[in-house]
Protein backbone atom coordinates (compact mmCIF):
# COMPACT_ATOMS: atom_id res chain seq x y z
CA UNK A 1 -17.12 7.76 -8.56
CA UNK A 2 -16.86 10.14 -11.46
CA UNK A 3 -15.98 10.46 -15.11
CA UNK A 4 -15.16 13.06 -17.72
CA UNK A 5 -15.47 12.58 -21.48
CA UNK A 6 -14.09 14.62 -24.38
CA UNK A 7 -14.80 14.30 -28.09
CA UNK A 8 -12.99 16.47 -30.66
CA UNK A 9 -13.97 16.21 -34.32
CA UNK A 10 -12.10 18.01 -37.15
CA UNK A 11 -13.40 17.77 -40.74
CA UNK A 12 -15.83 15.09 -39.57
CA UNK A 13 -12.95 12.90 -38.23
CA UNK A 14 -12.67 11.98 -34.56
CA UNK A 15 -9.30 13.28 -33.39
CA UNK A 16 -9.85 12.71 -29.70
CA UNK A 17 -12.51 10.49 -28.19
CA UNK A 18 -11.39 10.21 -24.60
CA UNK A 19 -12.76 9.27 -21.23
CA UNK A 20 -11.25 9.74 -17.79
CA UNK A 21 -12.98 7.94 -14.94
CA UNK A 22 -12.09 7.32 -11.35
CA UNK A 23 -13.26 6.40 -7.92
CA UNK A 24 -12.27 7.07 -4.33
CA UNK A 25 -13.60 5.15 -1.33
CA UNK A 26 -12.51 5.60 2.26
CA UNK A 27 -15.52 3.91 3.87
CA UNK A 28 -13.19 1.15 5.10
CA UNK A 29 -11.93 3.49 7.82
CA UNK A 30 -15.29 2.97 9.53
CA UNK A 31 -15.72 -0.75 8.72
CA UNK A 32 -13.10 -3.13 10.16
CA UNK A 33 -13.73 -5.76 7.46
CA UNK A 34 -12.82 -3.49 4.51
CA UNK A 35 -9.62 -2.02 3.13
CA UNK A 36 -9.31 1.50 4.60
CA UNK A 37 -8.82 3.34 1.32
CA UNK A 38 -9.33 2.48 -2.36
CA UNK A 39 -8.70 4.79 -5.31
CA UNK A 40 -8.56 4.23 -9.06
CA UNK A 41 -8.32 6.14 -12.32
CA UNK A 42 -8.71 4.99 -15.93
CA UNK A 43 -7.88 6.95 -19.10
CA UNK A 44 -9.32 5.70 -22.40
CA UNK A 45 -9.05 6.99 -25.95
CA UNK A 46 -11.21 5.75 -28.83
CA UNK A 47 -12.70 3.13 -26.49
CA UNK A 48 -9.28 1.62 -25.70
CA UNK A 49 -7.81 1.70 -22.22
CA UNK A 50 -4.56 3.67 -22.28
CA UNK A 51 -3.79 3.96 -18.56
CA UNK A 52 -5.25 2.43 -15.42
CA UNK A 53 -4.04 2.97 -11.86
CA UNK A 54 -5.51 1.46 -8.71
CA UNK A 55 -4.28 1.91 -5.15
CA UNK A 56 -5.26 0.43 -1.78
CA UNK A 57 -4.13 1.39 1.71
CA UNK A 58 -4.91 -0.38 4.95
CA UNK A 59 -3.63 -0.07 8.47
CA UNK A 60 -4.35 -0.71 12.08
CA UNK A 61 -2.97 -0.22 15.55
CA UNK A 62 -3.42 -1.97 18.85
CA UNK A 63 -1.69 -0.84 22.02
CA UNK A 64 1.92 -0.11 20.97
CA UNK A 65 1.80 -2.16 17.74
CA UNK A 66 1.05 -0.83 14.26
CA UNK A 67 0.73 -2.59 10.93
CA UNK A 68 -0.20 -1.48 7.44
CA UNK A 69 -0.08 -2.20 3.75
CA UNK A 70 -0.14 -0.34 0.47
CA UNK A 71 -1.02 -1.82 -2.94
CA UNK A 72 -0.47 -0.28 -6.37
CA UNK A 73 -1.49 -1.51 -9.82
CA UNK A 74 -0.40 0.34 -12.98
CA UNK A 75 -1.55 -0.81 -16.41
CA UNK A 76 -0.79 0.84 -19.79
CA UNK A 77 -2.43 -0.24 -23.04
CA UNK A 78 -4.12 -3.08 -21.08
CA UNK A 79 -0.73 -4.55 -20.02
CA UNK A 80 0.19 -4.75 -16.31
CA UNK A 81 3.40 -2.80 -15.72
CA UNK A 82 3.39 -2.89 -11.92
CA UNK A 83 1.29 -4.96 -9.54
CA UNK A 84 2.97 -4.37 -6.22
CA UNK A 85 2.18 -4.64 -2.55
CA UNK A 86 4.15 -3.20 0.36
CA UNK A 87 3.36 -4.22 3.92
CA UNK A 88 5.01 -3.64 7.24
CA UNK A 89 4.60 -3.72 10.98
CA UNK A 90 6.18 -2.17 14.05
CA UNK A 91 5.60 -3.39 17.60
CA UNK A 92 7.24 -1.77 20.59
CA UNK A 93 4.86 -3.17 23.23
CA UNK A 94 7.74 -5.21 24.65
CA UNK A 95 9.16 -2.08 26.25
CA UNK A 96 6.46 -2.35 28.93
CA UNK A 97 6.44 -6.16 29.24
CA UNK A 98 9.64 -7.72 30.57
CA UNK A 99 8.95 -11.06 28.86
CA UNK A 100 8.85 -9.69 25.30
CA UNK A 101 11.41 -8.36 22.84
CA UNK A 102 11.44 -4.55 23.18
CA UNK A 103 11.03 -3.76 19.48
CA UNK A 104 10.00 -5.78 16.41
CA UNK A 105 9.74 -4.41 12.87
CA UNK A 106 9.20 -5.99 9.46
CA UNK A 107 8.66 -5.01 5.82
CA UNK A 108 7.71 -7.06 2.76
CA UNK A 109 7.67 -6.01 -0.91
CA UNK A 110 5.70 -8.11 -3.42
CA UNK A 111 5.41 -7.61 -7.19
CA UNK A 112 3.13 -9.74 -9.38
CA UNK A 113 2.41 -12.04 -6.42
CA UNK A 114 6.12 -12.82 -5.89
CA UNK A 115 8.00 -11.74 -2.80
CA UNK A 116 10.89 -9.50 -3.86
CA UNK A 117 12.14 -8.33 -0.47
CA UNK A 118 11.49 -9.20 3.18
CA UNK A 119 13.25 -7.67 6.16
CA UNK A 120 12.60 -8.24 9.84
CA UNK A 121 14.46 -6.97 12.88
CA UNK A 122 14.28 -7.21 16.64
CA UNK A 123 15.94 -5.16 19.36
CA UNK A 124 16.07 -5.89 23.07
CA UNK A 125 17.99 -4.34 25.93
CA UNK A 126 18.27 -4.00 29.69
CA UNK A 127 19.95 -1.63 32.07
CA UNK A 128 20.58 -2.19 35.78
CA UNK A 129 22.52 0.33 37.77
CA UNK A 130 25.52 1.05 35.49
CA UNK A 131 25.38 -2.24 33.57
CA UNK A 132 23.80 -2.36 30.14
CA UNK A 133 23.29 -5.25 27.75
CA UNK A 134 21.25 -5.77 24.63
CA UNK A 135 20.77 -7.59 21.39
CA UNK A 136 19.83 -6.80 17.82
CA UNK A 137 18.52 -9.32 15.30
CA UNK A 138 18.15 -8.92 11.55
CA UNK A 139 16.54 -11.31 9.07
C-alpha cells in the first residue's frame, strides 16, 4: 500500500489538493484460497474521487490443463465505466488419454455482471497408418 499527496496554494487559494493512493498484493500466489494478484490505484482532487482502477488476476494449472481469469474495474468521478471480467481455460490432457477429446478451450467476457461473449471449442483426431480422421467443435 502507498499514497502520495500534493497541495498547491496560490494567493491563499487551494489550486490543487490531490491524493494518489494504490496497493499491490501478490500474496495469493502462495495461498490457494486467494486471488493470485490484486492491484488498485485511486486519484482524488479536493477530496473527490476522480479516477479509480482495480485489477485482479488468477490462474492455475493441473497436468496439461490451464485456466485463468482477469478482472478490471474503472471508475471516473465515482461512476463505473467498466466492470469487466475475462476468463478462459485450455485443456490438452486428452492427447495422452484415448477416451478424452484431444483439446478443449473456452473464453468468457463479462461486463457489469452480464455475459457479453462466450466461446468454446473442441478438437479431436486420430491417425492410423495412412488414415486420418478428426473433428472440430465450436460453440
